[in-house]
């Protein structure tokens, strides 16, 4: 992914803010942190941020364009009801992401199903 100079400058601003969240270069007693300590703190924080960013992106997924059908009998299920949805936690490379599977109920088969988002 190519990052524009404007976005690169914004990323640098964010990096400075993240450094403040991590407590900066020094321990509370004034002794400097080792590179390993800085790296561990930074990795933990960026993993958390990546997980949060994925959660936000997952909320913005477009609705499926093709009609949903029961995988067993191919009938069109009753209209989507958010009460049928099932949350799940996915372990990504950068942390946990909450994913919401849209649930549907087939009256003919009398079963719930969760079609793949793609």
N, C-alpha and C. Protein backbone atom coordinates (compact mmCIF):
# COMPACT_ATOMS: atom_id res chain seq x y z
N UNK A 1 0.85 -1.17 0.00
CA UNK A 1 0.00 0.00 0.00
C UNK A 1 0.89 1.24 0.00
N UNK A 2 0.67 2.09 -0.97
CA UNK A 2 1.43 3.34 -1.06
C UNK A 2 0.80 4.37 -0.12
N UNK A 3 1.63 5.04 0.63
CA UNK A 3 1.15 6.04 1.58
C UNK A 3 1.56 7.41 1.06
N UNK A 4 0.58 8.30 0.94
CA UNK A 4 0.85 9.64 0.43
C UNK A 4 1.69 10.42 1.44
N UNK A 5 2.41 11.45 0.97
CA UNK A 5 3.19 12.27 1.90
C UNK A 5 2.32 12.88 3.01
N UNK A 6 1.09 13.25 2.67
CA UNK A 6 0.19 13.82 3.68
C UNK A 6 -0.13 12.78 4.75
N UNK A 7 -0.45 11.55 4.32
CA UNK A 7 -0.76 10.50 5.29
C UNK A 7 0.48 10.06 6.06
N UNK A 8 1.64 10.11 5.43
CA UNK A 8 2.88 9.77 6.13
C UNK A 8 3.15 10.79 7.25
N UNK A 9 2.89 12.07 6.97
CA UNK A 9 3.06 13.10 7.99
C UNK A 9 2.08 12.88 9.14
N UNK A 10 0.85 12.50 8.81
CA UNK A 10 -0.14 12.22 9.86
C UNK A 10 0.28 11.00 10.67
N UNK A 11 0.84 9.99 10.00
CA UNK A 11 1.32 8.79 10.71
C UNK A 11 2.43 9.16 11.69
N UNK A 12 3.30 10.09 11.31
CA UNK A 12 4.36 10.53 12.22
C UNK A 12 3.76 11.22 13.45
N UNK A 13 2.72 12.04 13.23
CA UNK A 13 2.04 12.67 14.37
C UNK A 13 1.45 11.61 15.30
N UNK A 14 0.82 10.61 14.70
CA UNK A 14 0.24 9.53 15.50
C UNK A 14 1.32 8.76 16.26
N UNK A 15 2.46 8.54 15.62
CA UNK A 15 3.57 7.83 16.27
C UNK A 15 4.04 8.60 17.51
N UNK A 16 4.08 9.91 17.41
CA UNK A 16 4.47 10.72 18.56
C UNK A 16 3.44 10.61 19.68
N UNK A 17 2.16 10.59 19.31
CA UNK A 17 1.10 10.42 20.32
C UNK A 17 1.20 9.04 20.97
N UNK A 18 1.48 8.01 20.17
CA UNK A 18 1.61 6.66 20.70
C UNK A 18 2.80 6.57 21.66
N UNK A 19 3.87 7.26 21.35
CA UNK A 19 5.02 7.28 22.24
C UNK A 19 4.63 7.86 23.60
N UNK A 20 3.78 8.88 23.58
CA UNK A 20 3.30 9.45 24.84
C UNK A 20 2.43 8.44 25.59
N UNK A 21 1.58 7.70 24.87
CA UNK A 21 0.74 6.68 25.51
C UNK A 21 1.60 5.61 26.17
N UNK A 22 2.73 5.29 25.56
CA UNK A 22 3.64 4.28 26.10
C UNK A 22 4.47 4.82 27.26
N UNK A 23 4.38 6.09 27.55
CA UNK A 23 5.14 6.65 28.66
C UNK A 23 6.47 7.25 28.26
N UNK A 24 6.75 7.29 26.97
CA UNK A 24 7.97 7.93 26.50
C UNK A 24 9.21 7.07 26.64
N UNK A 25 10.35 7.72 26.58
CA UNK A 25 11.66 7.07 26.54
C UNK A 25 12.17 6.63 27.90
N UNK A 26 11.60 7.20 28.97
CA UNK A 26 12.14 6.97 30.31
C UNK A 26 11.12 6.32 31.24
N UNK A 27 11.63 5.53 32.19
CA UNK A 27 10.80 4.98 33.26
C UNK A 27 10.39 6.11 34.19
N UNK A 28 9.43 5.82 35.07
CA UNK A 28 8.97 6.83 36.03
C UNK A 28 10.09 7.31 36.95
N UNK A 29 11.07 6.45 37.21
CA UNK A 29 12.18 6.85 38.09
C UNK A 29 13.28 7.61 37.36
N UNK A 30 13.08 7.88 36.06
CA UNK A 30 14.05 8.67 35.29
C UNK A 30 15.09 7.87 34.54
N UNK A 31 15.15 6.56 34.77
CA UNK A 31 16.13 5.74 34.04
C UNK A 31 15.60 5.47 32.63
N UNK A 32 16.51 5.44 31.66
CA UNK A 32 16.06 5.20 30.29
C UNK A 32 15.61 3.76 30.08
N UNK A 33 14.62 3.60 29.23
CA UNK A 33 14.15 2.26 28.86
C UNK A 33 15.11 1.66 27.85
N UNK A 34 15.25 0.34 27.90
CA UNK A 34 16.08 -0.34 26.90
C UNK A 34 15.31 -0.40 25.59
N UNK A 35 16.03 -0.68 24.51
CA UNK A 35 15.37 -0.82 23.21
C UNK A 35 14.33 -1.94 23.27
N UNK A 36 14.67 -3.05 23.93
CA UNK A 36 13.73 -4.17 24.05
C UNK A 36 12.45 -3.75 24.76
N UNK A 37 12.58 -2.97 25.83
CA UNK A 37 11.39 -2.50 26.55
C UNK A 37 10.53 -1.60 25.65
N UNK A 38 11.19 -0.71 24.92
CA UNK A 38 10.46 0.17 24.00
C UNK A 38 9.75 -0.65 22.93
N UNK A 39 10.44 -1.65 22.40
CA UNK A 39 9.86 -2.48 21.34
C UNK A 39 8.65 -3.27 21.86
N UNK A 40 8.77 -3.86 23.03
CA UNK A 40 7.67 -4.64 23.61
C UNK A 40 6.45 -3.76 23.84
N UNK A 41 6.67 -2.57 24.42
CA UNK A 41 5.56 -1.65 24.66
C UNK A 41 4.91 -1.21 23.35
N UNK A 42 5.74 -0.90 22.36
CA UNK A 42 5.23 -0.45 21.07
C UNK A 42 4.46 -1.56 20.37
N UNK A 43 4.98 -2.77 20.40
CA UNK A 43 4.29 -3.89 19.76
C UNK A 43 2.93 -4.14 20.41
N UNK A 44 2.88 -4.09 21.73
CA UNK A 44 1.61 -4.31 22.43
C UNK A 44 0.58 -3.25 22.04
N UNK A 45 1.02 -2.00 21.98
CA UNK A 45 0.11 -0.91 21.64
C UNK A 45 -0.33 -0.98 20.18
N UNK A 46 0.59 -1.25 19.27
CA UNK A 46 0.21 -1.32 17.85
C UNK A 46 -0.66 -2.55 17.56
N UNK A 47 -0.45 -3.64 18.29
CA UNK A 47 -1.34 -4.80 18.14
C UNK A 47 -2.76 -4.42 18.56
N UNK A 48 -2.87 -3.71 19.67
CA UNK A 48 -4.18 -3.27 20.14
C UNK A 48 -4.84 -2.34 19.12
N UNK A 49 -4.07 -1.39 18.59
CA UNK A 49 -4.62 -0.45 17.61
C UNK A 49 -5.03 -1.16 16.32
N UNK A 50 -4.23 -2.12 15.87
CA UNK A 50 -4.58 -2.88 14.67
C UNK A 50 -5.87 -3.64 14.87
N UNK A 51 -6.02 -4.25 16.02
CA UNK A 51 -7.25 -4.98 16.33
C UNK A 51 -8.44 -4.03 16.33
N UNK A 52 -8.28 -2.87 16.94
CA UNK A 52 -9.37 -1.89 16.97
C UNK A 52 -9.71 -1.40 15.56
N UNK A 53 -8.68 -1.16 14.73
CA UNK A 53 -8.91 -0.70 13.35
C UNK A 53 -9.64 -1.77 12.55
N UNK A 54 -9.27 -3.04 12.73
CA UNK A 54 -9.98 -4.12 12.05
C UNK A 54 -11.42 -4.20 12.50
N UNK A 55 -11.66 -4.02 13.79
CA UNK A 55 -13.03 -4.02 14.30
C UNK A 55 -13.85 -2.92 13.63
N UNK A 56 -13.28 -1.74 13.50
CA UNK A 56 -13.98 -0.63 12.85
C UNK A 56 -14.24 -0.93 11.38
N UNK A 57 -13.24 -1.49 10.69
CA UNK A 57 -13.41 -1.83 9.27
C UNK A 57 -14.47 -2.91 9.09
N UNK A 58 -14.50 -3.88 9.98
CA UNK A 58 -15.46 -4.98 9.86
C UNK A 58 -16.90 -4.47 10.01
N UNK A 59 -17.09 -3.41 10.75
CA UNK A 59 -18.44 -2.85 10.91
C UNK A 59 -18.95 -2.24 9.62
N UNK A 60 -18.03 -1.83 8.73
CA UNK A 60 -18.39 -1.12 7.52
C UNK A 60 -18.52 -2.00 6.29
N UNK A 61 -18.58 -3.33 6.47
CA UNK A 61 -18.70 -4.21 5.31
C UNK A 61 -20.04 -4.01 4.61
N UNK A 62 -20.03 -3.99 3.26
CA UNK A 62 -21.29 -3.80 2.53
C UNK A 62 -22.18 -5.03 2.65
N UNK A 63 -23.46 -4.80 2.48
CA UNK A 63 -24.42 -5.91 2.48
C UNK A 63 -24.17 -6.78 1.25
N UNK A 64 -24.43 -8.06 1.35
CA UNK A 64 -24.27 -8.98 0.23
C UNK A 64 -25.24 -8.58 -0.89
N UNK A 65 -24.75 -8.64 -2.13
CA UNK A 65 -25.58 -8.25 -3.26
C UNK A 65 -26.51 -9.37 -3.71
N UNK A 66 -26.07 -10.62 -3.62
CA UNK A 66 -26.93 -11.71 -4.07
C UNK A 66 -27.87 -12.12 -2.94
N UNK A 67 -29.06 -12.61 -3.30
CA UNK A 67 -30.01 -12.99 -2.24
C UNK A 67 -29.51 -14.18 -1.43
N UNK A 68 -29.84 -14.15 -0.17
CA UNK A 68 -29.44 -15.23 0.74
C UNK A 68 -30.42 -16.38 0.57
N UNK A 69 -29.88 -17.59 0.53
CA UNK A 69 -30.71 -18.79 0.43
C UNK A 69 -30.25 -19.80 1.46
N UNK A 70 -31.17 -20.62 1.91
CA UNK A 70 -30.85 -21.68 2.86
C UNK A 70 -29.87 -22.65 2.19
N UNK A 71 -28.78 -23.00 2.87
CA UNK A 71 -27.81 -23.91 2.26
C UNK A 71 -28.34 -25.33 2.08
N UNK A 72 -29.40 -25.69 2.81
CA UNK A 72 -29.93 -27.06 2.72
C UNK A 72 -31.01 -27.18 1.65
N UNK A 73 -32.06 -26.34 1.73
CA UNK A 73 -33.20 -26.49 0.82
C UNK A 73 -33.25 -25.40 -0.26
N UNK A 74 -32.38 -24.42 -0.19
CA UNK A 74 -32.28 -23.30 -1.14
C UNK A 74 -33.46 -22.34 -1.09
N UNK A 75 -34.29 -22.43 -0.07
CA UNK A 75 -35.41 -21.50 0.10
C UNK A 75 -34.89 -20.15 0.55
N UNK A 76 -35.65 -19.10 0.23
CA UNK A 76 -35.32 -17.76 0.71
C UNK A 76 -35.79 -17.69 2.16
N UNK A 77 -34.90 -17.34 3.08
CA UNK A 77 -35.30 -17.32 4.50
C UNK A 77 -36.19 -16.12 4.81
N UNK A 78 -36.71 -16.13 6.03
CA UNK A 78 -37.47 -14.96 6.48
C UNK A 78 -36.53 -13.76 6.47
N UNK A 79 -37.06 -12.53 6.41
CA UNK A 79 -36.20 -11.35 6.39
C UNK A 79 -35.22 -11.35 7.57
N UNK A 80 -34.06 -10.77 7.33
CA UNK A 80 -33.01 -10.74 8.34
C UNK A 80 -33.50 -10.07 9.62
N UNK A 81 -33.24 -10.71 10.73
CA UNK A 81 -33.58 -10.18 12.05
C UNK A 81 -32.28 -10.09 12.85
N UNK A 82 -31.87 -8.89 13.28
CA UNK A 82 -30.61 -8.77 14.04
C UNK A 82 -30.53 -9.67 15.26
N UNK A 83 -31.68 -10.10 15.79
CA UNK A 83 -31.66 -11.01 16.94
C UNK A 83 -31.08 -12.38 16.57
N UNK A 84 -31.06 -12.69 15.27
CA UNK A 84 -30.51 -13.97 14.81
C UNK A 84 -28.99 -13.92 14.61
N UNK A 85 -28.40 -12.72 14.70
CA UNK A 85 -26.96 -12.57 14.48
C UNK A 85 -26.17 -13.25 15.58
N UNK A 86 -24.96 -13.66 15.23
CA UNK A 86 -24.10 -14.36 16.19
C UNK A 86 -22.72 -13.70 16.19
N UNK A 87 -22.32 -13.12 17.34
CA UNK A 87 -20.98 -12.54 17.40
C UNK A 87 -19.93 -13.63 17.55
N UNK A 88 -18.77 -13.38 16.99
CA UNK A 88 -17.66 -14.31 17.18
C UNK A 88 -16.37 -13.50 17.26
N UNK A 89 -15.39 -14.07 17.92
CA UNK A 89 -14.08 -13.44 18.05
C UNK A 89 -13.12 -14.17 17.12
N UNK A 90 -12.47 -13.42 16.24
CA UNK A 90 -11.48 -13.98 15.31
C UNK A 90 -10.11 -13.56 15.80
N UNK A 91 -9.18 -14.50 15.83
CA UNK A 91 -7.81 -14.19 16.22
C UNK A 91 -7.05 -13.83 14.95
N UNK A 92 -6.75 -12.54 14.76
CA UNK A 92 -5.98 -12.09 13.59
C UNK A 92 -4.50 -12.09 13.94
N UNK A 93 -3.69 -11.78 12.96
CA UNK A 93 -2.24 -11.73 13.18
C UNK A 93 -1.86 -10.64 14.18
N UNK A 94 -2.73 -9.63 14.35
CA UNK A 94 -2.41 -8.51 15.23
C UNK A 94 -3.31 -8.42 16.45
N UNK A 95 -4.11 -9.44 16.70
CA UNK A 95 -4.95 -9.42 17.89
C UNK A 95 -6.36 -9.88 17.58
N UNK A 96 -7.22 -9.79 18.58
CA UNK A 96 -8.60 -10.25 18.44
C UNK A 96 -9.45 -9.21 17.73
N UNK A 97 -10.37 -9.72 16.89
CA UNK A 97 -11.31 -8.88 16.16
C UNK A 97 -12.70 -9.43 16.40
N UNK A 98 -13.63 -8.56 16.75
CA UNK A 98 -15.01 -9.00 16.92
C UNK A 98 -15.70 -8.95 15.56
N UNK A 99 -16.29 -10.07 15.17
CA UNK A 99 -16.96 -10.20 13.88
C UNK A 99 -18.41 -10.57 14.14
N UNK A 100 -19.32 -9.97 13.40
CA UNK A 100 -20.73 -10.28 13.58
C UNK A 100 -21.21 -11.08 12.37
N UNK A 101 -21.59 -12.32 12.60
CA UNK A 101 -22.16 -13.16 11.55
C UNK A 101 -23.65 -12.88 11.47
N UNK A 102 -24.11 -12.50 10.27
CA UNK A 102 -25.54 -12.27 10.10
C UNK A 102 -26.25 -13.61 10.08
N UNK A 103 -27.22 -13.75 10.95
CA UNK A 103 -27.96 -15.00 11.04
C UNK A 103 -29.31 -14.91 10.34
N UNK A 104 -29.71 -16.01 9.75
CA UNK A 104 -31.01 -16.12 9.09
C UNK A 104 -31.69 -17.39 9.58
N UNK A 105 -33.02 -17.41 9.44
CA UNK A 105 -33.77 -18.58 9.86
C UNK A 105 -34.61 -19.07 8.69
N UNK A 106 -34.48 -20.36 8.36
CA UNK A 106 -35.25 -20.97 7.29
C UNK A 106 -36.48 -21.63 7.91
N UNK A 107 -37.66 -21.16 7.52
CA UNK A 107 -38.90 -21.72 8.07
C UNK A 107 -39.11 -23.15 7.59
N UNK A 108 -38.73 -23.41 6.34
CA UNK A 108 -38.94 -24.74 5.78
C UNK A 108 -38.11 -25.79 6.53
N UNK A 109 -36.83 -25.50 6.74
CA UNK A 109 -35.93 -26.45 7.42
C UNK A 109 -35.99 -26.32 8.94
N UNK A 110 -36.54 -25.22 9.40
CA UNK A 110 -36.59 -24.90 10.83
C UNK A 110 -35.19 -24.91 11.44
N UNK A 111 -34.28 -24.17 10.77
CA UNK A 111 -32.92 -24.07 11.29
C UNK A 111 -32.34 -22.70 10.97
N UNK A 112 -31.43 -22.29 11.82
CA UNK A 112 -30.70 -21.04 11.59
C UNK A 112 -29.45 -21.35 10.80
N UNK A 113 -29.01 -20.36 10.03
CA UNK A 113 -27.75 -20.51 9.30
C UNK A 113 -27.09 -19.15 9.17
N UNK A 114 -25.80 -19.19 8.91
CA UNK A 114 -24.98 -17.98 8.86
C UNK A 114 -24.18 -18.00 7.57
N UNK A 115 -24.72 -17.38 6.50
CA UNK A 115 -24.02 -17.44 5.21
C UNK A 115 -22.69 -16.70 5.26
N UNK A 116 -21.77 -17.17 4.43
CA UNK A 116 -20.45 -16.56 4.34
C UNK A 116 -20.58 -15.16 3.74
N UNK A 117 -19.76 -14.23 4.27
CA UNK A 117 -19.78 -12.86 3.74
C UNK A 117 -19.02 -12.76 2.44
N UNK A 118 -18.39 -13.78 2.00
CA UNK A 118 -17.67 -13.72 0.73
C UNK A 118 -16.39 -14.38 0.88
